[in-house]
Amino acid sequence: MAVKIRLTRIGEKKVPLYRVVVADALTPRNGKAIDEIGTYDPNTEPSTIKIDAEKAKKWVANGAQPTNAVKKLFKLAGIN
């Protein structure tokens, strides 16, 4: 089972809001997630990024692969 750390879209039409979730790679974008580790709001200035660093590091250590967008968010949030 390949596990990914990726974004799930929530929010209204034309007002995106995202959750950073850990999910199986084969589940749909808004499908069932294993764990929720944060949120991302691109509508504010500057963008609001709230990620639980402990959970993120734990999942990466256990083999979860972050997507490119999530890698950028981790870098902005100071998680390596």
C-alpha atoms as a PDB file:
ATOM      1  CA  MET A   1       0.000   0.000   0.000  1.00  0.00           C
ATOM      2  CA  ALA A   2       1.599   3.252  -1.175  1.00  0.00           C
ATOM      3  CA  VAL A   3       0.817   6.134   1.160  1.00  0.00           C
ATOM      4  CA  LYS A   4       0.921   9.777   0.031  1.00  0.00           C
ATOM      5  CA  ILE A   5       0.744  13.090   1.836  1.00  0.00           C
ATOM      6  CA  ARG A   6      -1.419  15.278  -0.373  1.00  0.00           C
ATOM      7  CA  LEU A   7      -4.001  18.057  -0.503  1.00  0.00           C
ATOM      8  CA  THR A   8      -7.762  17.528  -0.296  1.00  0.00           C
ATOM      9  CA  ARG A   9      -9.933  20.389  -1.490  1.00  0.00           C
ATOM     10  CA  ILE A  10     -12.651  21.736   0.767  1.00  0.00           C
ATOM     11  CA  GLY A  11     -14.368  25.102   0.714  1.00  0.00           C
ATOM     12  CA  GLU A  12     -16.776  26.706  -1.681  1.00  0.00           C
ATOM     13  CA  LYS A  13     -16.779  27.313  -5.397  1.00  0.00           C
ATOM     14  CA  LYS A  14     -13.995  29.762  -6.362  1.00  0.00           C
ATOM     15  CA  VAL A  15     -12.868  29.942  -2.706  1.00  0.00           C
ATOM     16  CA  PRO A  16     -10.490  27.018  -2.280  1.00  0.00           C
ATOM     17  CA  LEU A  17      -9.357  25.715   1.093  1.00  0.00           C
ATOM     18  CA  TYR A  18      -7.249  22.605   1.447  1.00  0.00           C
ATOM     19  CA  ARG A  19      -6.556  19.960   4.068  1.00  0.00           C
ATOM     20  CA  VAL A  20      -3.160  18.279   4.166  1.00  0.00           C
ATOM     21  CA  VAL A  21      -3.954  14.585   4.557  1.00  0.00           C
ATOM     22  CA  VAL A  22      -2.266  11.208   4.560  1.00  0.00           C
ATOM     23  CA  ALA A  23      -4.080   8.829   2.207  1.00  0.00           C
ATOM     24  CA  ASP A  24      -3.593   5.697   0.154  1.00  0.00           C
ATOM     25  CA  ALA A  25      -2.301   6.623  -3.304  1.00  0.00           C
ATOM     26  CA  LEU A  26      -5.240   4.904  -5.027  1.00  0.00           C
ATOM     27  CA  THR A  27      -8.051   6.732  -3.198  1.00  0.00           C
ATOM     28  CA  PRO A  28      -9.821   9.642  -4.937  1.00  0.00           C
ATOM     29  CA  ARG A  29      -8.783  13.233  -4.184  1.00  0.00           C
ATOM     30  CA  ASN A  30     -11.636  13.809  -1.734  1.00  0.00           C
ATOM     31  CA  GLY A  31     -11.838  10.179  -0.631  1.00  0.00           C
ATOM     32  CA  LYS A  32     -11.239   8.719   2.797  1.00  0.00           C
ATOM     33  CA  ALA A  33      -7.996   9.830   4.429  1.00  0.00           C
ATOM     34  CA  ILE A  34      -5.907   7.917   6.949  1.00  0.00           C
ATOM     35  CA  ASP A  35      -4.923  11.026   8.928  1.00  0.00           C
ATOM     36  CA  GLU A  36      -5.326  14.806   8.687  1.00  0.00           C
ATOM     37  CA  ILE A  37      -2.136  16.698   9.499  1.00  0.00           C
ATOM     38  CA  GLY A  38      -2.940  20.301   8.608  1.00  0.00           C
ATOM     39  CA  THR A  39      -4.652  22.964   6.512  1.00  0.00           C
ATOM     40  CA  TYR A  40      -3.680  25.402   3.772  1.00  0.00           C
ATOM     41  CA  ASP A  41      -5.594  28.588   2.919  1.00  0.00           C
ATOM     42  CA  PRO A  42      -4.317  30.331  -0.243  1.00  0.00           C
ATOM     43  CA  ASN A  43      -6.987  33.068  -0.013  1.00  0.00           C
ATOM     44  CA  THR A  44      -5.326  35.066   2.773  1.00  0.00           C
ATOM     45  CA  GLU A  45      -2.359  37.391   2.287  1.00  0.00           C
ATOM     46  CA  PRO A  46       0.105  35.842   3.058  1.00  0.00           C
ATOM     47  CA  SER A  47      -1.216  32.299   2.664  1.00  0.00           C
ATOM     48  CA  THR A  48      -2.061  30.506   5.913  1.00  0.00           C
ATOM     49  CA  ILE A  49      -0.277  27.186   6.420  1.00  0.00           C
ATOM     50  CA  LYS A  50      -0.965  25.153   9.574  1.00  0.00           C
ATOM     51  CA  ILE A  51       0.750  21.763   9.649  1.00  0.00           C
ATOM     52  CA  ASP A  52       1.402  19.527  12.647  1.00  0.00           C
ATOM     53  CA  ALA A  53       5.173  19.067  12.288  1.00  0.00           C
ATOM     54  CA  GLU A  54       5.315  16.037  14.599  1.00  0.00           C
ATOM     55  CA  LYS A  55       2.717  14.106  12.593  1.00  0.00           C
ATOM     56  CA  ALA A  56       4.305  15.120   9.285  1.00  0.00           C
ATOM     57  CA  LYS A  57       7.749  13.934  10.347  1.00  0.00           C
ATOM     58  CA  LYS A  58       6.295  10.695  11.730  1.00  0.00           C
ATOM     59  CA  TRP A  59       4.506   9.890   8.457  1.00  0.00           C
ATOM     60  CA  VAL A  60       7.545  10.737   6.317  1.00  0.00           C
ATOM     61  CA  ALA A  61       9.697   8.540   8.578  1.00  0.00           C
ATOM     62  CA  ASN A  62       7.178   5.701   8.101  1.00  0.00           C
ATOM     63  CA  GLY A  63       7.476   5.952   4.310  1.00  0.00           C
ATOM     64  CA  ALA A  64       4.690   8.329   3.226  1.00  0.00           C
ATOM     65  CA  GLN A  65       5.631  10.268   0.078  1.00  0.00           C
ATOM     66  CA  PRO A  66       4.606  13.957  -0.040  1.00  0.00           C
ATOM     67  CA  THR A  67       3.394  15.313  -3.384  1.00  0.00           C
ATOM     68  CA  ASN A  68       5.230  18.233  -5.005  1.00  0.00           C
ATOM     69  CA  ALA A  69       2.691  20.770  -3.697  1.00  0.00           C
ATOM     70  CA  VAL A  70       2.992  19.410  -0.166  1.00  0.00           C
ATOM     71  CA  LYS A  71       6.803  19.468  -0.382  1.00  0.00           C
ATOM     72  CA  LYS A  72       6.583  23.209  -1.133  1.00  0.00           C
ATOM     73  CA  LEU A  73       4.213  23.713   1.806  1.00  0.00           C
ATOM     74  CA  PHE A  74       6.577  21.810   4.107  1.00  0.00           C
ATOM     75  CA  LYS A  75       9.431  24.018   2.972  1.00  0.00           C
ATOM     76  CA  LEU A  76       7.391  27.195   3.608  1.00  0.00           C
ATOM     77  CA  ALA A  77       6.323  25.887   7.025  1.00  0.00           C
ATOM     78  CA  GLY A  78       9.919  25.007   7.933  1.00  0.00           C
ATOM     79  CA  ILE A  79       9.416  21.239   8.062  1.00  0.00           C
ATOM     80  CA  ASN A  80      12.271  19.172   6.637  1.00  0.00           C
END
